[in-house]
Amino acid sequence: MKDELQGHYQNFIQQELTIHGKTDPASPDTGVVSQRLDAVSALWDRLASQLGDREASLKEVLAASRHFHDTVKTLVEWLPLAADSVDAFCELDAAEQYQQFQVFVKH
């Protein structure tokens, strides 16, 4: 998008410079053209900065999304194992559960 806008901006500036070159330096139009060029250049700089900020923001969101996806994937892989461990623990009698708990606490 920035490249497309850059092309439009360059075309506009080139046209304005062509017009500016054909005007009489003493003409009041020369000042108007210069002001327009300055205004457009300032707007372009602002737009280019905002596009850069937007791109950086999108990259941050993409990185966060990838991290979230990886975390969910890991959790999905871990949950069945955890459920099996809990089921196996629940099948033990109280004394065996206590022994397992003691082993768990020591680690």
PDB file of N, CA and C in Angstrom:
ATOM      1  N   MET A   1       0.816  -1.180   0.000  1.00  0.00           N
ATOM      2  CA  MET A   1       0.000   0.000   0.000  1.00  0.00           C
ATOM      3  C   MET A   1       0.874   1.264   0.000  1.00  0.00           C
ATOM      4  N   LYS A   2       1.903   1.208   0.828  1.00  0.00           N
ATOM      5  CA  LYS A   2       2.790   2.372   0.903  1.00  0.00           C
ATOM      6  C   LYS A   2       3.473   2.598  -0.438  1.00  0.00           C
ATOM      7  N   ASP A   3       3.870   1.510  -1.109  1.00  0.00           N
ATOM      8  CA  ASP A   3       4.536   1.640  -2.403  1.00  0.00           C
ATOM      9  C   ASP A   3       3.600   2.254  -3.443  1.00  0.00           C
ATOM     10  N   GLU A   4       2.324   1.822  -3.421  1.00  0.00           N
ATOM     11  CA  GLU A   4       1.342   2.372  -4.355  1.00  0.00           C
ATOM     12  C   GLU A   4       1.142   3.872  -4.107  1.00  0.00           C
ATOM     13  N   LEU A   5       1.005   4.226  -2.844  1.00  0.00           N
ATOM     14  CA  LEU A   5       0.844   5.639  -2.505  1.00  0.00           C
ATOM     15  C   LEU A   5       2.101   6.437  -2.839  1.00  0.00           C
ATOM     16  N   GLN A   6       3.247   5.811  -2.646  1.00  0.00           N
ATOM     17  CA  GLN A   6       4.514   6.471  -2.979  1.00  0.00           C
ATOM     18  C   GLN A   6       4.533   6.826  -4.466  1.00  0.00           C
ATOM     19  N   GLY A   7       4.050   5.911  -5.301  1.00  0.00           N
ATOM     20  CA  GLY A   7       3.991   6.181  -6.749  1.00  0.00           C
ATOM     21  C   GLY A   7       3.076   7.352  -7.065  1.00  0.00           C
ATOM     22  N   HIS A   8       1.909   7.404  -6.443  1.00  0.00           N
ATOM     23  CA  HIS A   8       0.992   8.529  -6.657  1.00  0.00           C
ATOM     24  C   HIS A   8       1.620   9.836  -6.185  1.00  0.00           C
ATOM     25  N   TYR A   9       2.271   9.774  -5.047  1.00  0.00           N
ATOM     26  CA  TYR A   9       2.926  10.956  -4.488  1.00  0.00           C
ATOM     27  C   TYR A   9       4.005  11.461  -5.441  1.00  0.00           C
ATOM     28  N   GLN A  10       4.828  10.558  -5.921  1.00  0.00           N
ATOM     29  CA  GLN A  10       5.913  10.950  -6.837  1.00  0.00           C
ATOM     30  C   GLN A  10       5.349  11.567  -8.120  1.00  0.00           C
ATOM     31  N   ASN A  11       4.266  10.968  -8.652  1.00  0.00           N
ATOM     32  CA  ASN A  11       3.639  11.533  -9.854  1.00  0.00           C
ATOM     33  C   ASN A  11       3.121  12.944  -9.590  1.00  0.00           C
ATOM     34  N   PHE A  12       2.471  13.117  -8.454  1.00  0.00           N
ATOM     35  CA  PHE A  12       1.934  14.431  -8.107  1.00  0.00           C
ATOM     36  C   PHE A  12       3.049  15.461  -7.987  1.00  0.00           C
ATOM     37  N   ILE A  13       4.084  15.099  -7.276  1.00  0.00           N
ATOM     38  CA  ILE A  13       5.206  16.021  -7.092  1.00  0.00           C
ATOM     39  C   ILE A  13       5.835  16.368  -8.439  1.00  0.00           C
ATOM     40  N   GLN A  14       5.983  15.369  -9.297  1.00  0.00           N
ATOM     41  CA  GLN A  14       6.576  15.626 -10.615  1.00  0.00           C
ATOM     42  C   GLN A  14       5.711  16.596 -11.415  1.00  0.00           C
ATOM     43  N   GLN A  15       4.393  16.404 -11.380  1.00  0.00           N
ATOM     44  CA  GLN A  15       3.493  17.311 -12.092  1.00  0.00           C
ATOM     45  C   GLN A  15       3.581  18.728 -11.518  1.00  0.00           C
ATOM     46  N   GLU A  16       3.597  18.818 -10.208  1.00  0.00           N
ATOM     47  CA  GLU A  16       3.697  20.132  -9.574  1.00  0.00           C
ATOM     48  C   GLU A  16       5.024  20.810  -9.916  1.00  0.00           C
ATOM     49  N   LEU A  17       6.105  20.044  -9.926  1.00  0.00           N
ATOM     50  CA  LEU A  17       7.400  20.628 -10.276  1.00  0.00           C
ATOM     51  C   LEU A  17       7.417  21.090 -11.729  1.00  0.00           C
ATOM     52  N   THR A  18       6.751  20.349 -12.600  1.00  0.00           N
ATOM     53  CA  THR A  18       6.660  20.753 -14.006  1.00  0.00           C
ATOM     54  C   THR A  18       5.904  22.069 -14.121  1.00  0.00           C
ATOM     55  N   ILE A  19       4.793  22.153 -13.405  1.00  0.00           N
ATOM     56  CA  ILE A  19       4.006  23.395 -13.405  1.00  0.00           C
ATOM     57  C   ILE A  19       4.828  24.528 -12.806  1.00  0.00           C
ATOM     58  N   HIS A  20       5.487  24.233 -11.709  1.00  0.00           N
ATOM     59  CA  HIS A  20       6.301  25.244 -11.023  1.00  0.00           C
ATOM     60  C   HIS A  20       7.399  25.773 -11.952  1.00  0.00           C
ATOM     61  N   GLY A  21       7.990  24.879 -12.735  1.00  0.00           N
ATOM     62  CA  GLY A  21       9.063  25.276 -13.655  1.00  0.00           C
ATOM     63  C   GLY A  21       8.567  26.145 -14.796  1.00  0.00           C
ATOM     64  N   LYS A  22       7.278  26.052 -15.119  1.00  0.00           N
ATOM     65  CA  LYS A  22       6.723  26.834 -16.223  1.00  0.00           C
ATOM     66  C   LYS A  22       6.158  28.182 -15.773  1.00  0.00           C
ATOM     67  N   THR A  23       6.093  28.415 -14.486  1.00  0.00           N
ATOM     68  CA  THR A  23       5.538  29.682 -14.007  1.00  0.00           C
ATOM     69  C   THR A  23       6.626  30.738 -13.905  1.00  0.00           C
ATOM     70  N   ASP A  24       6.194  31.935 -14.022  1.00  0.00           N
ATOM     71  CA  ASP A  24       7.096  33.089 -13.902  1.00  0.00           C
ATOM     72  C   ASP A  24       7.443  33.257 -12.430  1.00  0.00           C
ATOM     73  N   PRO A  25       8.729  33.338 -12.085  1.00  0.00           N
ATOM     74  CA  PRO A  25       9.107  33.483 -10.683  1.00  0.00           C
ATOM     75  C   PRO A  25       8.460  34.687  -9.996  1.00  0.00           C
ATOM     76  N   ALA A  26       8.114  35.704 -10.750  1.00  0.00           N
ATOM     77  CA  ALA A  26       7.495  36.889 -10.162  1.00  0.00           C
ATOM     78  C   ALA A  26       5.977  36.727 -10.016  1.00  0.00           C
ATOM     79  N   SER A  27       5.443  35.660 -10.567  1.00  0.00           N
ATOM     80  CA  SER A  27       3.992  35.445 -10.536  1.00  0.00           C
ATOM     81  C   SER A  27       3.548  35.025  -9.133  1.00  0.00           C
ATOM     82  N   PRO A  28       2.366  35.490  -8.716  1.00  0.00           N
ATOM     83  CA  PRO A  28       1.843  35.053  -7.420  1.00  0.00           C
ATOM     84  C   PRO A  28       1.550  33.552  -7.404  1.00  0.00           C
ATOM     85  N   ASP A  29       1.362  32.975  -8.580  1.00  0.00           N
ATOM     86  CA  ASP A  29       1.102  31.532  -8.658  1.00  0.00           C
ATOM     87  C   ASP A  29       2.298  30.706  -8.197  1.00  0.00           C
ATOM     88  N   THR A  30       3.487  31.261  -8.355  1.00  0.00           N
ATOM     89  CA  THR A  30       4.696  30.557  -7.946  1.00  0.00           C
ATOM     90  C   THR A  30       4.665  30.268  -6.446  1.00  0.00           C
ATOM     91  N   GLY A  31       4.252  31.237  -5.677  1.00  0.00           N
ATOM     92  CA  GLY A  31       4.143  31.040  -4.223  1.00  0.00           C
ATOM     93  C   GLY A  31       3.076  30.026  -3.868  1.00  0.00           C
ATOM     94  N   VAL A  32       1.963  30.043  -4.584  1.00  0.00           N
ATOM     95  CA  VAL A  32       0.870  29.090  -4.335  1.00  0.00           C
ATOM     96  C   VAL A  32       1.339  27.666  -4.625  1.00  0.00           C
ATOM     97  N   VAL A  33       2.040  27.501  -5.745  1.00  0.00           N
ATOM     98  CA  VAL A  33       2.544  26.171  -6.110  1.00  0.00           C
ATOM     99  C   VAL A  33       3.544  25.693  -5.062  1.00  0.00           C
ATOM    100  N   SER A  34       4.416  26.556  -4.622  1.00  0.00           N
ATOM    101  CA  SER A  34       5.401  26.187  -3.593  1.00  0.00           C
ATOM    102  C   SER A  34       4.710  25.792  -2.289  1.00  0.00           C
ATOM    103  N   GLN A  35       3.676  26.548  -1.933  1.00  0.00           N
ATOM    104  CA  GLN A  35       2.927  26.220  -0.711  1.00  0.00           C
ATOM    105  C   GLN A  35       2.239  24.856  -0.840  1.00  0.00           C
ATOM    106  N   ARG A  36       1.669  24.600  -2.016  1.00  0.00           N
ATOM    107  CA  ARG A  36       1.015  23.303  -2.244  1.00  0.00           C
ATOM    108  C   ARG A  36       2.023  22.160  -2.153  1.00  0.00           C
ATOM    109  N   LEU A  37       3.175  22.369  -2.748  1.00  0.00           N
ATOM    110  CA  LEU A  37       4.223  21.343  -2.683  1.00  0.00           C
ATOM    111  C   LEU A  37       4.640  21.086  -1.241  1.00  0.00           C
ATOM    112  N   ASP A  38       4.834  22.140  -0.490  1.00  0.00           N
ATOM    113  CA  ASP A  38       5.220  21.994   0.920  1.00  0.00           C
ATOM    114  C   ASP A  38       4.130  21.285   1.717  1.00  0.00           C
ATOM    115  N   ALA A  39       2.869  21.652   1.470  1.00  0.00           N
ATOM    116  CA  ALA A  39       1.751  21.040   2.196  1.00  0.00           C
ATOM    117  C   ALA A  39       1.641  19.553   1.870  1.00  0.00           C
ATOM    118  N   VAL A  40       1.748  19.229   0.589  1.00  0.00           N
ATOM    119  CA  VAL A  40       1.653  17.824   0.188  1.00  0.00           C
ATOM    120  C   VAL A  40       2.828  17.025   0.748  1.00  0.00           C
ATOM    121  N   SER A  41       4.001  17.613   0.726  1.00  0.00           N
ATOM    122  CA  SER A  41       5.173  16.912   1.278  1.00  0.00           C
ATOM    123  C   SER A  41       4.993  16.647   2.773  1.00  0.00           C
ATOM    124  N   ALA A  42       4.480  17.630   3.490  1.00  0.00           N
ATOM    125  CA  ALA A  42       4.255  17.440   4.931  1.00  0.00           C
ATOM    126  C   ALA A  42       3.206  16.365   5.174  1.00  0.00           C
ATOM    127  N   LEU A  43       2.135  16.384   4.378  1.00  0.00           N
ATOM    128  CA  LEU A  43       1.091  15.348   4.523  1.00  0.00           C
ATOM    129  C   LEU A  43       1.643  13.965   4.185  1.00  0.00           C
ATOM    130  N   TRP A  44       2.472  13.911   3.149  1.00  0.00           N
ATOM    131  CA  TRP A  44       3.063  12.622   2.783  1.00  0.00           C
ATOM    132  C   TRP A  44       3.931  12.081   3.920  1.00  0.00           C
ATOM    133  N   ASP A  45       4.751  12.950   4.495  1.00  0.00           N
ATOM    134  CA  ASP A  45       5.614  12.513   5.603  1.00  0.00           C
ATOM    135  C   ASP A  45       4.770  11.975   6.756  1.00  0.00           C
ATOM    136  N   ARG A  46       3.676  12.660   7.046  1.00  0.00           N
ATOM    137  CA  ARG A  46       2.778  12.213   8.128  1.00  0.00           C
ATOM    138  C   ARG A  46       2.155  10.861   7.787  1.00  0.00           C
ATOM    139  N   LEU A  47       1.663  10.735   6.556  1.00  0.00           N
ATOM    140  CA  LEU A  47       1.052   9.481   6.129  1.00  0.00           C
ATOM    141  C   LEU A  47       2.065   8.340   6.145  1.00  0.00           C
ATOM    142  N   ALA A  48       3.253   8.585   5.652  1.00  0.00           N
ATOM    143  CA  ALA A  48       4.289   7.547   5.630  1.00  0.00           C
ATOM    144  C   ALA A  48       4.630   7.109   7.050  1.00  0.00           C
ATOM    145  N   SER A  49       4.684   8.047   7.968  1.00  0.00           N
ATOM    146  CA  SER A  49       4.952   7.714   9.375  1.00  0.00           C
ATOM    147  C   SER A  49       3.832   6.856   9.959  1.00  0.00           C
ATOM    148  N   GLN A  50       2.598   7.240   9.670  1.00  0.00           N
ATOM    149  CA  GLN A  50       1.456   6.477  10.185  1.00  0.00           C
ATOM    150  C   GLN A  50       1.410   5.078   9.578  1.00  0.00           C
ATOM    151  N   LEU A  51       1.743   4.969   8.300  1.00  0.00           N
ATOM    152  CA  LEU A  51       1.792   3.644   7.672  1.00  0.00           C
ATOM    153  C   LEU A  51       2.885   2.782   8.311  1.00  0.00           C
ATOM    154  N   GLY A  52       4.003   3.392   8.633  1.00  0.00           N
ATOM    155  CA  GLY A  52       5.078   2.656   9.315  1.00  0.00           C
ATOM    156  C   GLY A  52       4.636   2.190  10.694  1.00  0.00           C
ATOM    157  N   ASP A  53       3.929   3.067  11.415  1.00  0.00           N
ATOM    158  CA  ASP A  53       3.413   2.691  12.735  1.00  0.00           C
ATOM    159  C   ASP A  53       2.416   1.545  12.618  1.00  0.00           C
ATOM    160  N   ARG A  54       1.552   1.626  11.605  1.00  0.00           N
ATOM    161  CA  ARG A  54       0.542   0.580  11.398  1.00  0.00           C
ATOM    162  C   ARG A  54       1.215  -0.753  11.078  1.00  0.00           C
ATOM    163  N   GLU A  55       2.230  -0.714  10.252  1.00  0.00           N
ATOM    164  CA  GLU A  55       2.947  -1.936   9.900  1.00  0.00           C
ATOM    165  C   GLU A  55       3.590  -2.558  11.141  1.00  0.00           C
ATOM    166  N   ALA A  56       4.206  -1.733  11.969  1.00  0.00           N
ATOM    167  CA  ALA A  56       4.824  -2.233  13.196  1.00  0.00           C
ATOM    168  C   ALA A  56       3.777  -2.823  14.128  1.00  0.00           C
ATOM    169  N   SER A  57       2.638  -2.171  14.222  1.00  0.00           N
ATOM    170  CA  SER A  57       1.548  -2.666  15.075  1.00  0.00           C
ATOM    171  C   SER A  57       1.036  -4.010  14.570  1.00  0.00           C
ATOM    172  N   LEU A  58       0.873  -4.133  13.268  1.00  0.00           N
ATOM    173  CA  LEU A  58       0.409  -5.400  12.691  1.00  0.00           C
ATOM    174  C   LEU A  58       1.424  -6.526  12.932  1.00  0.00           C
ATOM    175  N   LYS A  59       2.697  -6.187  12.862  1.00  0.00           N
ATOM    176  CA  LYS A  59       3.722  -7.195  13.134  1.00  0.00           C
ATOM    177  C   LYS A  59       3.674  -7.646  14.588  1.00  0.00           C
ATOM    178  N   GLU A  60       3.426  -6.715  15.510  1.00  0.00           N
ATOM    179  CA  GLU A  60       3.301  -7.070  16.924  1.00  0.00           C
ATOM    180  C   GLU A  60       2.094  -7.977  17.157  1.00  0.00           C
ATOM    181  N   VAL A  61       0.971  -7.653  16.513  1.00  0.00           N
ATOM    182  CA  VAL A  61      -0.238  -8.460  16.664  1.00  0.00           C
ATOM    183  C   VAL A  61      -0.006  -9.853  16.075  1.00  0.00           C
ATOM    184  N   LEU A  62       0.667  -9.920  14.950  1.00  0.00           N
ATOM    185  CA  LEU A  62       0.967 -11.211  14.334  1.00  0.00           C
ATOM    186  C   LEU A  62       1.855 -12.055  15.251  1.00  0.00           C
ATOM    187  N   ALA A  63       2.855 -11.448  15.851  1.00  0.00           N
ATOM    188  CA  ALA A  63       3.735 -12.171  16.775  1.00  0.00           C
ATOM    189  C   ALA A  63       2.951 -12.669  17.987  1.00  0.00           C
ATOM    190  N   ALA A  64       2.068 -11.839  18.529  1.00  0.00           N
ATOM    191  CA  ALA A  64       1.248 -12.247  19.671  1.00  0.00           C
ATOM    192  C   ALA A  64       0.307 -13.374  19.273  1.00  0.00           C
ATOM    193  N   SER A  65      -0.235 -13.295  18.085  1.00  0.00           N
ATOM    194  CA  SER A  65      -1.135 -14.348  17.592  1.00  0.00           C
ATOM    195  C   SER A  65      -0.393 -15.672  17.441  1.00  0.00           C
ATOM    196  N   ARG A  66       0.811 -15.610  16.916  1.00  0.00           N
ATOM    197  CA  ARG A  66       1.613 -16.836  16.769  1.00  0.00           C
ATOM    198  C   ARG A  66       1.945 -17.430  18.139  1.00  0.00           C
ATOM    199  N   HIS A  67       2.288 -16.575  19.088  1.00  0.00           N
ATOM    200  CA  HIS A  67       2.592 -17.044  20.440  1.00  0.00           C
ATOM    201  C   HIS A  67       1.358 -17.706  21.059  1.00  0.00           C
ATOM    202  N   PHE A  68       0.202 -17.067  20.894  1.00  0.00           N
ATOM    203  CA  PHE A  68      -1.044 -17.634  21.410  1.00  0.00           C
ATOM    204  C   PHE A  68      -1.322 -18.995  20.765  1.00  0.00           C
ATOM    205  N   HIS A  69      -1.158 -19.076  19.454  1.00  0.00           N
ATOM    206  CA  HIS A  69      -1.392 -20.336  18.743  1.00  0.00           C
ATOM    207  C   HIS A  69      -0.462 -21.435  19.257  1.00  0.00           C
ATOM    208  N   ASP A  70       0.809 -21.108  19.426  1.00  0.00           N
ATOM    209  CA  ASP A  70       1.775 -22.092  19.924  1.00  0.00           C
ATOM    210  C   ASP A  70       1.423 -22.544  21.338  1.00  0.00           C
ATOM    211  N   THR A  71       0.983 -21.608  22.173  1.00  0.00           N
ATOM    212  CA  THR A  71       0.608 -21.944  23.546  1.00  0.00           C
ATOM    213  C   THR A  71      -0.608 -22.862  23.570  1.00  0.00           C
ATOM    214  N   VAL A  72      -1.611 -22.537  22.756  1.00  0.00           N
ATOM    215  CA  VAL A  72      -2.818 -23.373  22.688  1.00  0.00           C
ATOM    216  C   VAL A  72      -2.466 -24.759  22.159  1.00  0.00           C
ATOM    217  N   LYS A  73      -1.616 -24.819  21.159  1.00  0.00           N
ATOM    218  CA  LYS A  73      -1.203 -26.115  20.599  1.00  0.00           C
ATOM    219  C   LYS A  73      -0.521 -26.969  21.675  1.00  0.00           C
ATOM    220  N   THR A  74       0.382 -26.354  22.434  1.00  0.00           N
ATOM    221  CA  THR A  74       1.066 -27.073  23.513  1.00  0.00           C
ATOM    222  C   THR A  74       0.067 -27.555  24.560  1.00  0.00           C
ATOM    223  N   LEU A  75      -0.871 -26.706  24.904  1.00  0.00           N
ATOM    224  CA  LEU A  75      -1.886 -27.066  25.892  1.00  0.00           C
ATOM    225  C   LEU A  75      -2.754 -28.218  25.394  1.00  0.00           C
ATOM    226  N   VAL A  76      -3.143 -28.178  24.144  1.00  0.00           N
ATOM    227  CA  VAL A  76      -3.961 -29.254  23.559  1.00  0.00           C
ATOM    228  C   VAL A  76      -3.202 -30.581  23.588  1.00  0.00           C
ATOM    229  N   GLU A  77      -1.905 -30.542  23.370  1.00  0.00           N
ATOM    230  CA  GLU A  77      -1.095 -31.755  23.420  1.00  0.00           C
ATOM    231  C   GLU A  77      -0.921 -32.253  24.855  1.00  0.00           C
ATOM    232  N   TRP A  78      -0.860 -31.337  25.817  1.00  0.00           N
ATOM    233  CA  TRP A  78      -0.610 -31.692  27.210  1.00  0.00           C
ATOM    234  C   TRP A  78      -1.861 -32.161  27.938  1.00  0.00           C
ATOM    235  N   LEU A  79      -3.016 -31.599  27.619  1.00  0.00           N
ATOM    236  CA  LEU A  79      -4.237 -31.897  28.369  1.00  0.00           C
ATOM    237  C   LEU A  79      -4.584 -33.388  28.431  1.00  0.00           C
ATOM    238  N   PRO A  80      -4.544 -34.134  27.343  1.00  0.00           N
ATOM    239  CA  PRO A  80      -4.864 -35.568  27.457  1.00  0.00           C
ATOM    240  C   PRO A  80      -3.908 -36.309  28.398  1.00  0.00           C
ATOM    241  N   LEU A  81      -2.634 -35.930  28.372  1.00  0.00           N
ATOM    242  CA  LEU A  81      -1.659 -36.560  29.275  1.00  0.00           C
ATOM    243  C   LEU A  81      -1.984 -36.239  30.727  1.00  0.00           C
ATOM    244  N   ALA A  82      -2.347 -34.979  30.977  1.00  0.00           N
ATOM    245  CA  ALA A  82      -2.702 -34.579  32.334  1.00  0.00           C
ATOM    246  C   ALA A  82      -3.973 -35.299  32.783  1.00  0.00           C
ATOM    247  N   ALA A  83      -4.943 -35.415  31.887  1.00  0.00           N
ATOM    248  CA  ALA A  83      -6.194 -36.105  32.232  1.00  0.00           C
ATOM    249  C   ALA A  83      -5.918 -37.570  32.555  1.00  0.00           C
ATOM    250  N   ASP A  84      -5.057 -38.214  31.790  1.00  0.00           N
ATOM    251  CA  ASP A  84      -4.694 -39.611  32.064  1.00  0.00           C
ATOM    252  C   ASP A  84      -4.024 -39.734  33.436  1.00  0.00           C
ATOM    253  N   SER A  85      -3.141 -38.785  33.752  1.00  0.00           N
ATOM    254  CA  SER A  85      -2.468 -38.816  35.056  1.00  0.00           C
ATOM    255  C   SER A  85      -3.458 -38.641  36.195  1.00  0.00           C
ATOM    256  N   VAL A  86      -4.394 -37.727  36.028  1.00  0.00           N
ATOM    257  CA  VAL A  86      -5.409 -37.505  37.070  1.00  0.00           C
ATOM    258  C   VAL A  86      -6.292 -38.738  37.221  1.00  0.00           C
ATOM    259  N   ASP A  87      -6.691 -39.321  36.098  1.00  0.00           N
ATOM    260  CA  ASP A  87      -7.518 -40.536  36.154  1.00  0.00           C
ATOM    261  C   ASP A  87      -6.783 -41.663  36.870  1.00  0.00           C
ATOM    262  N   ALA A  88      -5.510 -41.842  36.532  1.00  0.00           N
ATOM    263  CA  ALA A  88      -4.720 -42.891  37.172  1.00  0.00           C
ATOM    264  C   ALA A  88      -4.575 -42.616  38.659  1.00  0.00           C
ATOM    265  N   PHE A  89      -4.371 -41.358  39.025  1.00  0.00           N
ATOM    266  CA  PHE A  89      -4.247 -40.993  40.435  1.00  0.00           C
ATOM    267  C   PHE A  89      -5.545 -41.276  41.183  1.00  0.00           C
ATOM    268  N   CYS A  90      -6.664 -40.982  40.556  1.00  0.00           N
ATOM    269  CA  CYS A  90      -7.963 -41.177  41.206  1.00  0.00           C
ATOM    270  C   CYS A  90      -8.283 -42.661  41.418  1.00  0.00           C
ATOM    271  N   GLU A  91      -7.687 -43.528  40.638  1.00  0.00           N
ATOM    272  CA  GLU A  91      -7.921 -44.965  40.779  1.00  0.00           C
ATOM    273  C   GLU A  91      -7.138 -45.568  41.951  1.00  0.00           C
ATOM    274  N   LEU A  92      -6.178 -44.835  42.490  1.00  0.00           N
ATOM    275  CA  LEU A  92      -5.386 -45.318  43.621  1.00  0.00           C
ATOM    276  C   LEU A  92      -6.188 -45.201  44.912  1.00  0.00           C
ATOM    277  N   ASP A  93      -5.849 -46.060  45.869  1.00  0.00           N
ATOM    278  CA  ASP A  93      -6.497 -45.894  47.176  1.00  0.00           C
ATOM    279  C   ASP A  93      -5.812 -44.735  47.910  1.00  0.00           C
ATOM    280  N   ALA A  94      -6.336 -44.367  49.048  1.00  0.00           N
ATOM    281  CA  ALA A  94      -5.872 -43.183  49.774  1.00  0.00           C
ATOM    282  C   ALA A  94      -4.386 -43.277  50.139  1.00  0.00           C
ATOM    283  N   ALA A  95      -3.916 -44.433  50.562  1.00  0.00           N
ATOM    284  CA  ALA A  95      -2.517 -44.586  50.953  1.00  0.00           C
ATOM    285  C   ALA A  95      -1.598 -44.399  49.744  1.00  0.00           C
ATOM    286  N   GLU A  96      -1.986 -44.970  48.618  1.00  0.00           N
ATOM    287  CA  GLU A  96      -1.177 -44.821  47.402  1.00  0.00           C
ATOM    288  C   GLU A  96      -1.199 -43.370  46.907  1.00  0.00           C
ATOM    289  N   GLN A  97      -2.336 -42.720  47.029  1.00  0.00           N
ATOM    290  CA  GLN A  97      -2.430 -41.304  46.652  1.00  0.00           C
ATOM    291  C   GLN A  97      -1.493 -40.464  47.522  1.00  0.00           C
ATOM    292  N   TYR A  98      -1.460 -40.782  48.820  1.00  0.00           N
ATOM    293  CA  TYR A  98      -0.593 -40.044  49.734  1.00  0.00           C
ATOM    294  C   TYR A  98       0.869 -40.259  49.350  1.00  0.00           C
ATOM    295  N   GLN A  99       1.241 -41.495  49.016  1.00  0.00           N
ATOM    296  CA  GLN A  99       2.618 -41.778  48.605  1.00  0.00           C
ATOM    297  C   GLN A  99       2.974 -41.013  47.322  1.00  0.00           C
ATOM    298  N   GLN A 100       2.065 -41.025  46.378  1.00  0.00           N
ATOM    299  CA  GLN A 100       2.301 -40.289  45.127  1.00  0.00           C
ATOM    300  C   GLN A 100       2.446 -38.789  45.392  1.00  0.00           C
ATOM    301  N   PHE A 101       1.612 -38.278  46.300  1.00  0.00           N
ATOM    302  CA  PHE A 101       1.671 -36.870  46.657  1.00  0.00           C
ATOM    303  C   PHE A 101       3.027 -36.535  47.274  1.00  0.00           C
ATOM    304  N   GLN A 102       3.514 -37.403  48.153  1.00  0.00           N
ATOM    305  CA  GLN A 102       4.813 -37.164  48.785  1.00  0.00           C
ATOM    306  C   GLN A 102       5.933 -37.144  47.747  1.00  0.00           C
ATOM    307  N   VAL A 103       5.866 -38.035  46.776  1.00  0.00           N
ATOM    308  CA  VAL A 103       6.881 -38.053  45.710  1.00  0.00           C
ATOM    309  C   VAL A 103       6.800 -36.769  44.903  1.00  0.00           C
ATOM    310  N   PHE A 104       5.591 -36.333  44.615  1.00  0.00           N
ATOM    311  CA  PHE A 104       5.382 -35.105  43.856  1.00  0.00           C
ATOM    312  C   PHE A 104       5.928 -33.886  44.596  1.00  0.00           C
ATOM    313  N   VAL A 105       5.662 -33.816  45.897  1.00  0.00           N
ATOM    314  CA  VAL A 105       6.095 -32.670  46.696  1.00  0.00           C
ATOM    315  C   VAL A 105       7.624 -32.616  46.779  1.00  0.00           C
ATOM    316  N   LYS A 106       8.281 -33.778  46.846  1.00  0.00           N
ATOM    317  CA  LYS A 106       9.740 -33.805  46.958  1.00  0.00           C
ATOM    318  C   LYS A 106      10.428 -33.350  45.682  1.00  0.00           C
ATOM    319  N   HIS A 107       9.758 -33.415  44.569  1.00  0.00           N
ATOM    320  CA  HIS A 107      10.364 -33.007  43.282  1.00  0.00           C
ATOM    321  C   HIS A 107       9.993 -31.614  43.067  1.00  0.00           C
TER     322      HIS A 107
END
